[in-house]
């Protein structure tokens, strides 16, 4: 049960962004803001995705 509760906030955020952030709106906002904002946004999204994958699959260097 503790393991399930540990991933609940991450799952909630994933569902929230999936339901409420449409890709068309996000792309339109990026084009309005400019190229540098888009590049920074892509880097941030990739970094967050790598961080989430490492957390889900036991990254962090602890061997239990």
Protein backbone atom coordinates (compact mmCIF):
# COMPACT_ATOMS: atom_id res chain seq x y z
CA UNK A 1 0.00 0.00 0.00
CA UNK A 2 2.88 2.37 0.76
CA UNK A 3 4.26 1.86 -2.73
CA UNK A 4 0.91 2.75 -4.28
CA UNK A 5 0.62 5.91 -2.20
CA UNK A 6 4.17 6.89 -3.12
CA UNK A 7 3.29 7.11 -6.83
CA UNK A 8 -0.14 8.70 -6.36
CA UNK A 9 1.00 12.35 -6.73
CA UNK A 10 2.96 11.54 -9.89
CA UNK A 11 0.00 9.67 -11.35
CA UNK A 12 -2.33 12.53 -10.46
CA UNK A 13 -0.10 15.07 -12.23
CA UNK A 14 0.20 12.86 -15.30
CA UNK A 15 -3.59 12.47 -15.56
CA UNK A 16 -4.14 16.18 -14.90
CA UNK A 17 -1.77 17.29 -17.65
CA UNK A 18 -3.12 14.68 -20.06
CA UNK A 19 -6.70 15.82 -19.61
CA UNK A 20 -6.30 19.57 -19.33
CA UNK A 21 -3.31 20.45 -21.50
CA UNK A 22 -4.20 19.94 -25.13
CA UNK A 23 -1.29 19.74 -27.51
CA UNK A 24 -2.77 22.27 -29.94
CA UNK A 25 -3.05 24.93 -27.25
CA UNK A 26 0.48 24.23 -26.03
CA UNK A 27 1.97 24.45 -29.54
CA UNK A 28 0.08 27.67 -30.23
CA UNK A 29 1.39 29.25 -27.03
CA UNK A 30 4.95 28.18 -27.87
CA UNK A 31 4.73 29.80 -31.32
CA UNK A 32 3.38 32.99 -29.77
CA UNK A 33 6.18 33.10 -27.19
CA UNK A 34 9.06 32.51 -29.60
CA UNK A 35 11.71 29.99 -30.58
CA UNK A 36 13.86 30.27 -27.47
CA UNK A 37 10.89 29.63 -25.22
CA UNK A 38 10.06 26.56 -27.29
CA UNK A 39 13.61 25.22 -27.03
CA UNK A 40 13.69 25.77 -23.27
CA UNK A 41 10.25 24.15 -22.96
CA UNK A 42 11.35 21.06 -24.88
CA UNK A 43 14.47 20.72 -22.71
CA UNK A 44 12.39 21.03 -19.54
CA UNK A 45 9.87 18.44 -20.74
CA UNK A 46 12.63 15.98 -21.65
CA UNK A 47 14.34 16.52 -18.28
CA UNK A 48 11.09 15.94 -16.39
CA UNK A 49 10.36 12.81 -18.44
CA UNK A 50 13.82 11.38 -17.70
CA UNK A 51 13.41 12.22 -14.01
CA UNK A 52 9.98 10.54 -13.85
CA UNK A 53 11.22 7.42 -15.62
CA UNK A 54 14.19 7.16 -13.27
CA UNK A 55 11.88 7.52 -10.25
CA UNK A 56 9.42 4.94 -11.55
CA UNK A 57 12.09 2.35 -12.31
CA UNK A 58 14.08 2.76 -9.12
CA UNK A 59 16.74 5.28 -10.03
CA UNK A 60 18.75 6.94 -7.30
CA UNK A 61 21.44 4.41 -6.54
CA UNK A 62 19.83 2.70 -3.56
CA UNK A 63 19.99 -1.08 -3.60
CA UNK A 64 17.31 -2.51 -1.36
